[in-house]
Amino acid sequence: MADRQLFHQHDTTNTSPLYLGLDLSTQQLKLVVIDDDLRVLHEEAVNFDRDLPHYGTEGGVKLNGYQATAPTIMWVEALDLLLGKMKDSGFPSHRVAGISGCAQQHGTVYWKQGAEHVLAHLNPESLLHEQLRGIFSVESSPIWQDSSTSAECEELEVAMGGAQKLADITGSSAYERFSGSQLRKIAKARPEAFAQTERISLVSSFAASMLIGKYAPIDTADGSGMNLLDIHQKDWDDRLLNLCGADLRRKLGAVVKTDAVIGFIASYFVERYGFRKDCMVVAWSGDNPDSLASLNLRVGDSVVSMGTSDTLLLTLEKATPSTEGHVLCHPTRHDAYMAMIVYKNGSLTRERIRDTYAWSSWEKFNSLVENADVGCGDRFGFFFYVPEITPKAQGVFRFEHGQQVEEFSRPEINARAVLESQFLSMRLHARRVGYHDSASKRIIVTGGASQNDAIVRVLADVFGAVVMRSSLGGGSATLGAAYRARYGVKHASGWFGTFEQSLNAPGAPQLVTVAEGSLESYEKYSILLEEYERLERDVCRAGQF
């Protein structure tokens, strides 16, 4: 992290532009500052549980059975706190030429009638959360961890002629966490609140709305994660809108390209924090698209993001949707798509295994991983402590020599087994959305767990890949947002290069090789993958929810 003393609010000798990228993720609101050479100058974050404990979240979430929500006003107060920290540090907000951001995908925010008027007339003498409290028709936003809309998902697929037909249009079959089924559920269960709703935002466009003082549009990349957008036409599908709620085309607003400038920063931030009036705000997107945007990938590269959820990202020249995984509009290439496979049981599951079998020590966990053989001696584990998305199952299942067991005869095997299970699943399901399974490919890893060399080595062996990390470490979604902010400003100012060309700068991150998969291990995993696929089918039947 750059030293806070680097910034002097009243230093007028340095007028070079700065760009901000923000990420409103599940557990925190994070900000990164870059200069015109793409150098990272400063980072700041607000952790919801630690810094805003009065909301009572755990991991930024409130769970109630299969329901998962977050207090919408908590996110507002987090922005207050974050910008207050930046102001106190002497940050030169008058140099910021552009801002963009990203957020956890699929979550929805419901603005009451008259909310936009409030946004447009904020008093700079008061904090945002003091003025926006009470303007949401649904005060707790459903988020991506929610799995309570199975009935609504089934209704959508039946109405559209099946799961594949829905995927052909929207890039995905119906998923419980996707916005469409969430909207349908609220429209049915809380008709009065739905009728009082003037605008529905994704978490990304909600945050952007605060910055521009009016309702911000949803971008095509994040909008692809709703089961409502035709990813080919890049517009809402009216049949799906009509199925999910009344007057949804108006309530959702128009969609825009991810590099669109959606307005200038609101006067509230100019007067309270000293931003310049002509600071442009570029459309916000989802955290997964911005993870992809942060890396100047070449054809054939993949990205594995390991955080609260694990995500595999691929760039596709052509959309090939299936009933597994997701195909989204690409965040930086208007003629391309991205494939995404998401796993709910990511870092929290690895940490649970660490705490149970490795005395809460990553050092001990890594030792257990490295001392176990490839394939764990004919043992497989499936660790779905929360209802899993890919595959759809819940529960913990262990198999030893083909037989299901309550616990492995060598319990320490769980450490390697959880990693092999997660990465074999990625390899299996990636093939179904366009990944060409062969050795010697490149995988770029991001997220907190990407810094663990033992975890990364297992990933390299399972895929037979060269695994690389950004020279700037994790947190790539925030950087992707900052890069898009810079590109959006340059594009709006008359520069017509591509996004990829815009990353040709001295401070651009370099990719550093951190692991190279063993061909022998890769071939062993190729054989094990067949047994894993068979067992996964059994687990899906036994772990239905």
Protein backbone atom coordinates (compact mmCIF):
# COMPACT_ATOMS: atom_id res chain seq x y z
CA MET A 1 0.00 0.00 0.00
CA ALA A 2 1.31 3.41 -0.92
CA ASP A 3 2.21 5.74 1.93
CA ARG A 4 -0.60 8.09 2.85
CA GLN A 5 1.86 10.96 3.15
CA LEU A 6 2.31 10.77 -0.61
CA PHE A 7 -0.82 12.91 -0.97
CA HIS A 8 -1.11 16.57 -0.09
CA GLN A 9 -4.60 17.94 -0.64
CA HIS A 10 -3.47 21.51 -1.24
CA ASP A 11 -0.41 20.73 -3.40
CA THR A 12 -1.29 22.48 -6.66
CA THR A 13 2.07 21.81 -8.35
CA ASN A 14 1.10 18.27 -9.41
CA THR A 15 -1.93 18.29 -11.70
CA SER A 16 -1.45 14.93 -13.43
CA PRO A 17 -4.70 12.93 -13.56
CA LEU A 18 -5.62 10.17 -11.16
CA TYR A 19 -8.21 7.43 -11.56
CA LEU A 20 -10.20 5.59 -8.91
CA GLY A 21 -11.44 2.02 -8.97
CA LEU A 22 -13.82 0.74 -6.29
CA ASP A 23 -15.09 -2.73 -5.50
CA LEU A 24 -18.20 -3.26 -3.38
CA SER A 25 -17.63 -6.93 -2.67
CA THR A 26 -19.34 -9.28 -0.23
CA GLN A 27 -17.11 -8.48 2.74
CA GLN A 28 -15.70 -5.02 2.06
CA LEU A 29 -15.67 -1.83 0.02
CA LYS A 30 -12.21 -1.33 -1.44
CA LEU A 31 -10.64 1.53 -3.38
CA VAL A 32 -7.47 1.78 -5.47
CA VAL A 33 -5.84 4.91 -6.92
CA ILE A 34 -3.77 4.75 -10.13
CA ASP A 35 -2.01 7.41 -12.15
CA ASP A 36 -1.90 7.85 -15.91
CA ASP A 37 1.00 5.37 -16.13
CA LEU A 38 -1.13 2.71 -14.37
CA ARG A 39 1.00 2.86 -11.24
CA VAL A 40 -0.88 1.96 -8.05
CA LEU A 41 -0.49 4.88 -5.64
CA HIS A 42 -2.85 4.05 -2.81
CA GLU A 43 -5.35 1.49 -1.55
CA GLU A 44 -8.00 1.78 1.13
CA ALA A 45 -10.77 -0.48 2.38
CA VAL A 46 -13.73 -0.69 4.75
CA ASN A 47 -14.52 -4.14 6.14
CA PHE A 48 -18.24 -4.46 6.87
CA ASP A 49 -17.99 -6.78 9.88
CA ARG A 50 -15.05 -4.99 11.49
CA ASP A 51 -15.74 -1.35 10.65
CA LEU A 52 -19.55 -1.42 10.69
CA PRO A 53 -20.34 -4.00 13.39
CA HIS A 54 -23.70 -2.42 14.27
CA TYR A 55 -25.25 -4.06 11.19
CA GLY A 56 -24.60 -7.52 12.61
CA THR A 57 -23.33 -9.16 9.44
CA GLU A 58 -21.05 -12.18 9.25
CA GLY A 59 -18.80 -12.05 6.23
CA GLY A 60 -20.86 -9.05 5.09
CA VAL A 61 -24.01 -11.18 4.92
CA LYS A 62 -27.10 -12.05 6.94
CA LEU A 63 -28.17 -15.65 6.45
CA ASN A 64 -31.63 -17.04 7.23
CA GLY A 65 -31.91 -20.58 5.94
CA TYR A 66 -31.49 -20.42 2.18
CA GLN A 67 -31.96 -16.64 2.18
CA ALA A 68 -28.90 -14.38 2.02
CA THR A 69 -29.18 -10.61 2.24
CA ALA A 70 -27.16 -7.53 3.17
CA PRO A 71 -28.47 -4.25 4.63
CA THR A 72 -28.47 -1.83 1.71
CA ILE A 73 -27.81 1.16 3.96
CA MET A 74 -24.65 -0.58 5.24
CA TRP A 75 -23.11 -0.21 1.79
CA VAL A 76 -24.02 3.49 1.82
CA GLU A 77 -22.35 4.03 5.18
CA ALA A 78 -19.29 2.14 3.94
CA LEU A 79 -18.90 4.71 1.16
CA ASP A 80 -19.17 7.50 3.74
CA LEU A 81 -16.45 5.88 5.82
CA LEU A 82 -14.17 5.14 2.86
CA LEU A 83 -14.29 8.65 1.42
CA GLY A 84 -13.85 10.10 4.90
CA LYS A 85 -10.65 8.08 5.30
CA MET A 86 -9.38 9.33 1.96
CA LYS A 87 -10.13 12.95 2.83
CA ASP A 88 -8.40 12.61 6.21
CA SER A 89 -5.31 11.18 4.48
CA GLY A 90 -4.89 14.33 2.40
CA PHE A 91 -5.89 12.63 -0.83
CA PRO A 92 -5.90 15.13 -3.77
CA SER A 93 -9.42 14.44 -5.02
CA HIS A 94 -9.15 17.51 -7.29
CA ARG A 95 -6.84 15.46 -9.54
CA VAL A 96 -9.29 12.61 -10.11
CA ALA A 97 -10.30 12.59 -13.78
CA GLY A 98 -12.37 9.43 -13.72
CA ILE A 99 -14.00 6.89 -11.41
CA SER A 100 -15.43 3.48 -12.07
CA GLY A 101 -16.17 0.47 -9.95
CA CYS A 102 -17.51 -3.02 -9.67
CA ALA A 103 -19.56 -5.00 -7.20
CA GLN A 104 -20.61 -8.47 -6.24
CA GLN A 105 -22.81 -9.75 -9.03
CA HIS A 106 -26.54 -10.58 -9.09
CA GLY A 107 -27.57 -8.66 -5.96
CA THR A 108 -30.41 -6.17 -6.34
CA VAL A 109 -31.33 -2.80 -4.79
CA TYR A 110 -34.87 -1.39 -4.71
CA TRP A 111 -35.30 2.39 -4.74
CA LYS A 112 -38.60 3.84 -3.48
CA GLN A 113 -40.68 6.30 -5.44
CA GLY A 114 -38.99 9.69 -5.19
CA ALA A 115 -35.53 8.29 -4.41
CA GLU A 116 -33.91 9.88 -7.45
CA HIS A 117 -35.07 13.31 -6.27
CA VAL A 118 -33.28 12.66 -2.98
CA LEU A 119 -30.11 11.61 -4.83
CA ALA A 120 -30.17 14.81 -6.85
CA HIS A 121 -30.51 17.08 -3.79
CA LEU A 122 -28.03 15.71 -1.27
CA ASN A 123 -26.78 18.11 1.39
CA PRO A 124 -22.94 18.12 1.48
CA GLU A 125 -23.04 19.00 5.18
CA SER A 126 -24.51 15.59 6.03
CA LEU A 127 -23.36 12.02 5.45
CA LEU A 128 -24.93 9.89 2.72
CA HIS A 129 -26.34 7.24 5.01
CA GLU A 130 -28.09 9.88 7.09
CA GLN A 131 -29.89 11.16 3.98
CA LEU A 132 -30.56 7.87 2.16
CA ARG A 133 -31.93 5.91 5.10
CA GLY A 134 -35.53 4.96 4.40
CA ILE A 135 -35.49 5.44 0.60
CA PHE A 136 -35.28 1.73 -0.24
CA SER A 137 -38.54 -0.16 -0.70
CA VAL A 138 -36.71 -3.39 0.21
CA GLU A 139 -34.22 -2.59 2.96
CA SER A 140 -32.19 -5.80 2.81
CA SER A 141 -30.81 -6.60 -0.64
CA PRO A 142 -30.81 -10.22 -1.83
CA ILE A 143 -27.23 -11.14 -2.77
CA TRP A 144 -25.42 -13.84 -4.71
CA GLN A 145 -25.32 -16.32 -1.82
CA ASP A 146 -29.13 -16.56 -1.79
CA SER A 147 -30.53 -19.93 -2.87
CA SER A 148 -34.18 -19.50 -1.88
CA THR A 149 -35.72 -19.09 -5.35
CA SER A 150 -35.80 -22.65 -6.69
CA ALA A 151 -39.53 -22.41 -7.45
CA GLU A 152 -39.07 -19.18 -9.42
CA CYS A 153 -36.17 -20.68 -11.38
CA GLU A 154 -38.28 -23.65 -12.38
CA GLU A 155 -41.10 -21.34 -13.45
CA LEU A 156 -38.75 -19.32 -15.67
CA GLU A 157 -37.29 -22.38 -17.37
CA VAL A 158 -40.70 -23.93 -18.00
CA ALA A 159 -42.08 -20.69 -19.42
CA MET A 160 -39.13 -20.32 -21.81
CA GLY A 161 -39.19 -23.91 -23.03
CA GLY A 162 -36.46 -25.41 -20.87
CA ALA A 163 -33.12 -24.66 -19.27
CA GLN A 164 -31.16 -24.71 -22.53
CA LYS A 165 -33.61 -22.35 -24.25
CA LEU A 166 -33.20 -19.87 -21.41
CA ALA A 167 -29.41 -20.24 -21.58
CA ASP A 168 -29.43 -19.68 -25.34
CA ILE A 169 -30.95 -16.23 -24.76
CA THR A 170 -29.42 -15.06 -21.49
CA GLY A 171 -26.18 -17.05 -21.34
CA SER A 172 -27.31 -19.08 -18.32
CA SER A 173 -30.01 -21.45 -17.25
CA ALA A 174 -32.02 -20.27 -14.25
CA TYR A 175 -29.98 -19.83 -11.08
CA GLU A 176 -31.34 -19.06 -7.62
CA ARG A 177 -28.94 -16.18 -7.04
CA PHE A 178 -29.61 -14.50 -10.40
CA SER A 179 -31.57 -11.28 -10.34
CA GLY A 180 -34.52 -12.42 -12.47
CA SER A 181 -35.70 -15.09 -10.05
CA GLN A 182 -35.09 -12.73 -7.12
CA LEU A 183 -37.26 -10.04 -8.75
CA ARG A 184 -40.00 -12.56 -9.45
CA LYS A 185 -39.94 -13.75 -5.84
CA ILE A 186 -40.20 -10.21 -4.42
CA ALA A 187 -42.93 -9.27 -6.92
CA LYS A 188 -44.98 -12.27 -5.73
CA ALA A 189 -44.17 -12.26 -2.01
CA ARG A 190 -44.03 -8.49 -1.42
CA PRO A 191 -46.30 -6.91 -4.04
CA GLU A 192 -46.70 -3.63 -2.12
CA ALA A 193 -42.94 -3.10 -1.85
CA PHE A 194 -42.52 -4.00 -5.51
CA ALA A 195 -45.25 -1.56 -6.54
CA GLN A 196 -43.53 1.21 -4.51
CA THR A 197 -40.24 0.57 -6.32
CA GLU A 198 -39.26 3.31 -8.76
CA ARG A 199 -35.98 1.78 -9.96
CA ILE A 200 -34.23 -1.55 -9.52
CA SER A 201 -30.43 -1.50 -9.60
CA LEU A 202 -27.76 -4.12 -9.45
CA VAL A 203 -25.30 -3.55 -6.60
CA SER A 204 -22.91 -2.08 -9.18
CA SER A 205 -25.34 0.43 -10.69
CA PHE A 206 -26.64 1.26 -7.20
CA ALA A 207 -23.18 2.44 -6.14
CA ALA A 208 -22.73 4.33 -9.41
CA SER A 209 -26.09 6.05 -8.81
CA MET A 210 -24.81 7.57 -5.59
CA LEU A 211 -21.77 8.97 -7.38
CA ILE A 212 -23.68 10.67 -10.21
CA GLY A 213 -26.71 11.79 -8.18
CA LYS A 214 -29.25 10.00 -10.36
CA TYR A 215 -30.15 6.48 -11.39
CA ALA A 216 -27.20 4.88 -13.18
CA PRO A 217 -27.77 2.39 -16.00
CA ILE A 218 -26.84 -1.28 -15.76
CA ASP A 219 -23.93 -2.29 -18.00
CA THR A 220 -24.11 -5.23 -20.41
CA ALA A 221 -21.47 -7.34 -18.65
CA ASP A 222 -23.05 -7.23 -15.18
CA GLY A 223 -26.54 -7.26 -16.73
CA SER A 224 -25.69 -10.64 -18.27
CA GLY A 225 -25.89 -12.16 -14.78
CA MET A 226 -29.60 -11.56 -14.35
CA ASN A 227 -31.38 -14.12 -16.60
CA LEU A 228 -33.10 -11.09 -18.16
CA LEU A 229 -30.68 -9.77 -20.80
CA ASP A 230 -30.45 -11.13 -24.34
CA ILE A 231 -26.66 -11.39 -24.57
CA HIS A 232 -26.76 -11.41 -28.38
CA GLN A 233 -28.97 -8.33 -28.80
CA LYS A 234 -27.53 -6.69 -25.65
CA ASP A 235 -31.00 -5.61 -24.55
CA TRP A 236 -33.63 -6.83 -22.13
CA ASP A 237 -35.79 -9.75 -23.29
CA ASP A 238 -39.40 -8.61 -22.95
CA ARG A 239 -40.74 -12.12 -22.42
CA LEU A 240 -38.51 -12.55 -19.39
CA LEU A 241 -39.29 -9.07 -18.09
CA ASN A 242 -43.01 -9.83 -18.23
CA LEU A 243 -42.48 -13.09 -16.37
CA CYS A 244 -40.52 -11.49 -13.53
CA GLY A 245 -42.53 -8.40 -12.69
CA ALA A 246 -44.73 -5.57 -13.91
CA ASP A 247 -43.21 -2.59 -15.72
CA LEU A 248 -39.69 -3.98 -15.46
CA ARG A 249 -38.32 -2.33 -18.60
CA ARG A 250 -38.96 1.06 -17.00
CA LYS A 251 -37.83 -0.02 -13.54
CA LEU A 252 -34.56 -1.45 -14.82
CA GLY A 253 -33.81 1.33 -17.30
CA ALA A 254 -31.67 1.04 -20.41
CA VAL A 255 -28.45 -0.97 -20.56
CA VAL A 256 -25.15 0.57 -21.66
CA LYS A 257 -21.76 -0.66 -22.82
CA THR A 258 -19.32 -1.25 -20.00
CA ASP A 259 -16.98 1.51 -21.19
CA ALA A 260 -19.72 4.18 -21.34
CA VAL A 261 -19.31 7.44 -19.45
CA ILE A 262 -22.59 7.71 -17.54
CA GLY A 263 -22.17 11.22 -16.13
CA PHE A 264 -20.07 13.57 -14.08
CA ILE A 265 -19.63 13.19 -10.36
CA ALA A 266 -22.48 14.71 -8.33
CA SER A 267 -22.05 18.13 -6.76
CA TYR A 268 -22.32 16.51 -3.31
CA PHE A 269 -18.87 14.95 -3.76
CA VAL A 270 -17.44 18.11 -5.30
CA GLU A 271 -18.48 20.20 -2.31
CA ARG A 272 -17.88 17.68 0.48
CA TYR A 273 -14.72 15.95 -0.73
CA GLY A 274 -13.21 18.35 -3.26
CA PHE A 275 -13.60 16.35 -6.46
CA ARG A 276 -13.39 18.35 -9.68
CA LYS A 277 -16.69 19.09 -11.40
CA ASP A 278 -15.65 17.43 -14.67
CA CYS A 279 -14.66 14.12 -13.03
CA MET A 280 -16.23 11.46 -15.25
CA VAL A 281 -17.96 8.39 -13.90
CA VAL A 282 -17.68 5.32 -16.12
CA ALA A 283 -20.33 2.59 -15.90
CA TRP A 284 -19.82 0.20 -13.02
CA SER A 285 -19.75 -3.53 -13.70
CA GLY A 286 -19.51 -6.86 -11.90
CA ASP A 287 -16.47 -7.97 -9.95
CA ASN A 288 -15.88 -10.96 -12.20
CA PRO A 289 -15.88 -8.95 -15.46
CA ASP A 290 -13.51 -6.45 -13.86
CA SER A 291 -11.19 -9.24 -12.74
CA LEU A 292 -10.96 -10.15 -16.42
CA ALA A 293 -10.46 -6.50 -17.40
CA SER A 294 -7.47 -6.14 -15.07
CA LEU A 295 -5.38 -8.63 -17.04
CA ASN A 296 -4.20 -8.17 -20.61
CA LEU A 297 -4.93 -11.77 -21.56
CA ARG A 298 -4.04 -13.55 -24.76
CA VAL A 299 -6.28 -16.04 -26.56
CA GLY A 300 -6.50 -19.28 -24.61
CA ASP A 301 -5.72 -17.81 -21.20
CA SER A 302 -7.95 -18.51 -18.21
CA VAL A 303 -8.39 -16.71 -14.91
CA VAL A 304 -9.06 -18.44 -11.60
CA SER A 305 -10.16 -16.02 -8.89
CA MET A 306 -10.03 -17.51 -5.40
CA GLY A 307 -11.95 -15.53 -2.82
CA THR A 308 -15.13 -15.94 -0.78
CA SER A 309 -16.39 -17.59 -3.93
CA ASP A 310 -14.10 -19.23 -6.48
CA THR A 311 -14.55 -18.26 -10.11
CA LEU A 312 -13.13 -19.53 -13.40
CA LEU A 313 -13.16 -16.99 -16.24
CA LEU A 314 -12.56 -17.56 -19.95
CA THR A 315 -12.66 -15.29 -23.00
CA LEU A 316 -14.78 -16.64 -25.87
CA GLU A 317 -14.92 -15.40 -29.45
CA LYS A 318 -18.38 -16.93 -29.80
CA ALA A 319 -21.14 -17.44 -27.24
CA THR A 320 -21.72 -21.13 -26.59
CA PRO A 321 -24.11 -21.21 -23.61
CA SER A 322 -24.89 -24.46 -21.85
CA THR A 323 -26.91 -25.35 -18.79
CA GLU A 324 -23.68 -25.27 -16.77
CA GLY A 325 -21.72 -22.14 -16.06
CA HIS A 326 -22.48 -18.76 -17.56
CA VAL A 327 -21.72 -16.79 -20.70
CA LEU A 328 -21.64 -13.00 -20.27
CA CYS A 329 -21.02 -10.05 -22.53
CA HIS A 330 -17.31 -9.24 -22.42
CA PRO A 331 -16.45 -6.12 -20.38
CA THR A 332 -13.83 -4.68 -22.77
CA ARG A 333 -14.46 -6.29 -26.16
CA HIS A 334 -17.86 -5.55 -27.66
CA ASP A 335 -17.56 -8.45 -30.14
CA ALA A 336 -16.61 -11.12 -27.59
CA TYR A 337 -18.00 -12.96 -24.58
CA MET A 338 -16.70 -14.32 -21.32
CA ALA A 339 -17.51 -17.63 -19.72
CA MET A 340 -17.81 -17.83 -15.96
CA ILE A 341 -18.16 -20.74 -13.57
CA VAL A 342 -18.82 -19.79 -9.95
CA TYR A 343 -18.41 -21.85 -6.79
CA LYS A 344 -19.92 -20.73 -3.49
CA ASN A 345 -17.66 -23.01 -1.47
CA GLY A 346 -14.39 -21.18 -1.98
CA SER A 347 -12.02 -19.70 0.59
CA LEU A 348 -14.40 -20.18 3.54
CA THR A 349 -14.51 -23.90 2.80
CA ARG A 350 -10.72 -24.14 2.55
CA GLU A 351 -10.43 -22.24 5.83
CA ARG A 352 -12.90 -24.59 7.51
CA ILE A 353 -10.82 -27.59 6.48
CA ARG A 354 -7.67 -25.78 7.65
CA ASP A 355 -9.23 -25.03 11.04
CA THR A 356 -10.47 -28.60 11.49
CA TYR A 357 -7.46 -30.58 10.31
CA ALA A 358 -4.49 -28.21 10.43
CA TRP A 359 -4.91 -26.41 13.76
CA SER A 360 -5.96 -23.17 12.00
CA SER A 361 -2.47 -22.91 10.48
CA TRP A 362 -1.86 -22.36 6.79
CA GLU A 363 1.70 -23.58 7.28
CA LYS A 364 0.44 -26.90 8.65
CA PHE A 365 -2.30 -27.07 5.97
CA ASN A 366 0.28 -26.58 3.21
CA SER A 367 2.49 -29.28 4.68
CA LEU A 368 -0.43 -31.74 4.69
CA VAL A 369 -1.19 -30.86 1.06
CA GLU A 370 2.38 -31.35 -0.10
CA ASN A 371 2.89 -34.61 1.78
CA ALA A 372 -0.17 -36.27 0.20
CA ASP A 373 -0.02 -38.09 -3.13
CA VAL A 374 -1.78 -37.05 -6.32
CA GLY A 375 -5.30 -38.42 -6.04
CA CYS A 376 -5.01 -38.79 -2.25
CA GLY A 377 -4.59 -42.56 -2.55
CA ASP A 378 -7.90 -43.16 -4.37
CA ARG A 379 -9.86 -40.79 -2.15
CA PHE A 380 -12.29 -38.09 -3.25
CA GLY A 381 -14.08 -35.46 -1.23
CA PHE A 382 -16.94 -33.09 -2.03
CA PHE A 383 -17.20 -30.22 0.46
CA PHE A 384 -20.41 -28.23 -0.01
CA TYR A 385 -20.97 -26.63 3.38
CA VAL A 386 -23.32 -24.12 1.75
CA PRO A 387 -25.61 -25.00 -1.15
CA GLU A 388 -23.32 -25.21 -4.16
CA ILE A 389 -23.95 -23.74 -7.59
CA THR A 390 -21.65 -25.97 -9.63
CA PRO A 391 -22.70 -28.71 -9.24
CA LYS A 392 -26.03 -28.15 -7.56
CA ALA A 393 -25.61 -30.04 -4.29
CA GLN A 394 -25.25 -29.55 -0.54
CA GLY A 395 -23.41 -31.56 2.08
CA VAL A 396 -20.04 -33.21 2.65
CA PHE A 397 -19.33 -36.49 0.86
CA ARG A 398 -16.16 -38.58 1.08
CA PHE A 399 -15.25 -41.63 -0.97
CA GLU A 400 -12.41 -44.04 -0.27
CA HIS A 401 -11.58 -46.80 -2.76
CA GLY A 402 -14.97 -46.28 -4.40
CA GLN A 403 -17.01 -46.52 -1.17
CA GLN A 404 -18.67 -43.61 0.63
CA VAL A 405 -17.25 -43.06 4.12
CA GLU A 406 -18.04 -40.69 6.97
CA GLU A 407 -14.36 -39.77 7.36
CA PHE A 408 -11.17 -40.73 5.56
CA SER A 409 -9.07 -43.40 7.24
CA ARG A 410 -6.34 -40.77 7.14
CA PRO A 411 -8.16 -37.56 8.14
CA GLU A 412 -5.20 -35.38 7.23
CA ILE A 413 -5.98 -36.19 3.58
CA ASN A 414 -8.86 -33.70 3.75
CA ALA A 415 -6.41 -30.83 3.16
CA ARG A 416 -5.36 -32.00 -0.29
CA ALA A 417 -8.75 -33.57 -1.04
CA VAL A 418 -10.60 -30.24 -0.78
CA LEU A 419 -8.18 -28.63 -3.26
CA GLU A 420 -8.29 -31.52 -5.73
CA SER A 421 -12.08 -31.57 -5.57
CA GLN A 422 -12.37 -27.84 -6.26
CA PHE A 423 -9.94 -27.84 -9.17
CA LEU A 424 -11.15 -31.08 -10.76
CA SER A 425 -14.63 -29.57 -10.73
CA MET A 426 -13.33 -26.47 -12.50
CA ARG A 427 -11.61 -28.54 -15.17
CA LEU A 428 -14.67 -30.75 -15.68
CA HIS A 429 -17.22 -27.96 -15.98
CA ALA A 430 -14.98 -25.60 -17.97
CA ARG A 431 -15.01 -28.07 -20.87
CA ARG A 432 -18.76 -27.63 -21.11
CA VAL A 433 -18.61 -23.86 -21.70
CA GLY A 434 -15.87 -23.74 -24.31
CA TYR A 435 -12.59 -24.57 -22.54
CA HIS A 436 -10.28 -26.73 -24.65
CA ASP A 437 -8.70 -29.19 -22.25
CA SER A 438 -5.00 -29.55 -23.00
CA ALA A 439 -1.73 -29.20 -21.13
CA SER A 440 0.61 -26.18 -21.24
CA LYS A 441 -2.05 -23.48 -21.09
CA ARG A 442 -1.74 -20.37 -18.96
CA ILE A 443 -3.90 -19.75 -15.90
CA ILE A 444 -3.73 -16.38 -14.17
CA VAL A 445 -4.68 -16.57 -10.50
CA THR A 446 -6.12 -13.73 -8.45
CA GLY A 447 -7.74 -13.33 -5.05
CA GLY A 448 -6.48 -13.96 -1.54
CA ALA A 449 -5.82 -17.71 -1.90
CA SER A 450 -3.76 -17.10 -5.05
CA GLN A 451 -0.91 -16.00 -2.75
CA ASN A 452 -0.67 -19.52 -1.29
CA ASP A 453 1.97 -21.43 -3.29
CA ALA A 454 0.81 -24.87 -2.14
CA ILE A 455 -2.74 -24.23 -3.37
CA VAL A 456 -1.45 -22.85 -6.66
CA ARG A 457 0.77 -25.90 -7.28
CA VAL A 458 -2.22 -28.25 -7.01
CA LEU A 459 -4.12 -26.07 -9.49
CA ALA A 460 -1.17 -26.20 -11.91
CA ASP A 461 -0.99 -29.99 -11.72
CA VAL A 462 -4.74 -30.57 -12.15
CA PHE A 463 -4.86 -28.41 -15.30
CA GLY A 464 -1.35 -29.18 -16.54
CA ALA A 465 -0.93 -25.43 -16.81
CA VAL A 466 1.57 -22.68 -16.29
CA VAL A 467 0.09 -20.65 -13.42
CA MET A 468 0.90 -16.96 -13.24
CA ARG A 469 0.20 -14.14 -10.82
CA SER A 470 0.05 -10.43 -11.43
CA SER A 471 3.11 -8.58 -10.19
CA LEU A 472 0.68 -6.37 -8.26
CA GLY A 473 -0.74 -9.28 -6.26
CA GLY A 474 -4.46 -9.88 -5.68
CA GLY A 475 -7.44 -7.56 -5.70
CA SER A 476 -7.59 -7.42 -9.46
CA ALA A 477 -11.28 -6.48 -9.71
CA THR A 478 -10.54 -3.10 -8.16
CA LEU A 479 -7.69 -2.56 -10.60
CA GLY A 480 -9.88 -3.58 -13.51
CA ALA A 481 -12.35 -0.88 -12.50
CA ALA A 482 -9.58 1.72 -12.30
CA TYR A 483 -8.24 0.69 -15.72
CA ARG A 484 -11.74 1.02 -17.18
CA ALA A 485 -12.13 4.45 -15.59
CA ARG A 486 -8.94 5.60 -17.30
CA TYR A 487 -9.92 4.04 -20.63
CA GLY A 488 -13.44 5.50 -20.48
CA VAL A 489 -12.10 9.02 -19.88
CA LYS A 490 -9.55 8.70 -22.69
CA HIS A 491 -12.14 7.31 -25.08
CA ALA A 492 -14.62 10.05 -24.24
CA SER A 493 -11.85 12.61 -24.80
CA GLY A 494 -11.19 11.48 -28.37
CA TRP A 495 -8.65 8.65 -28.05
CA PHE A 496 -9.81 5.66 -30.11
CA GLY A 497 -7.38 2.89 -29.24
CA THR A 498 -8.58 -0.41 -27.84
CA PHE A 499 -8.80 -1.19 -24.16
CA GLU A 500 -5.91 -3.63 -24.56
CA GLN A 501 -3.79 -0.89 -26.15
CA SER A 502 -4.59 1.41 -23.24
CA LEU A 503 -2.78 -1.01 -20.90
CA ASN A 504 0.52 -0.36 -22.68
CA ALA A 505 1.97 1.82 -19.93
CA PRO A 506 4.99 1.70 -17.60
CA GLY A 507 2.99 0.75 -14.53
CA ALA A 508 0.99 -2.04 -16.12
CA PRO A 509 1.11 -5.27 -14.11
CA GLN A 510 3.45 -8.00 -15.30
CA LEU A 511 2.53 -11.66 -15.17
CA VAL A 512 4.96 -13.76 -13.14
CA THR A 513 5.12 -17.55 -13.35
CA VAL A 514 4.55 -19.11 -9.92
CA ALA A 515 3.94 -22.78 -10.78
CA GLU A 516 4.26 -25.12 -13.73
CA GLY A 517 2.12 -28.21 -13.82
CA SER A 518 3.74 -31.61 -13.97
CA LEU A 519 2.84 -33.54 -17.13
CA GLU A 520 2.87 -36.77 -15.12
CA SER A 521 0.44 -35.33 -12.56
CA TYR A 522 -1.75 -33.85 -15.30
CA GLU A 523 -2.08 -37.26 -16.96
CA LYS A 524 -2.96 -38.88 -13.62
CA TYR A 525 -5.64 -36.24 -13.01
CA SER A 526 -7.00 -36.83 -16.52
CA ILE A 527 -7.67 -40.43 -15.52
CA LEU A 528 -9.06 -39.45 -12.12
CA LEU A 529 -11.41 -36.95 -13.76
CA GLU A 530 -13.57 -39.76 -15.14
CA GLU A 531 -14.12 -41.22 -11.67
CA TYR A 532 -14.67 -37.73 -10.24
CA GLU A 533 -17.39 -37.07 -12.84
CA ARG A 534 -19.17 -40.30 -11.96
CA LEU A 535 -19.04 -39.58 -8.23
CA GLU A 536 -20.24 -36.03 -8.77
CA ARG A 537 -23.42 -37.36 -10.41
CA ASP A 538 -24.04 -39.53 -7.33
CA VAL A 539 -23.41 -36.56 -5.02
CA CYS A 540 -25.89 -34.40 -6.95
CA ARG A 541 -28.59 -37.00 -6.37
CA ALA A 542 -27.75 -37.47 -2.69
CA GLY A 543 -27.22 -33.77 -1.97
CA GLN A 544 -30.30 -32.31 -3.63
CA PHE A 545 -31.74 -29.15 -2.09
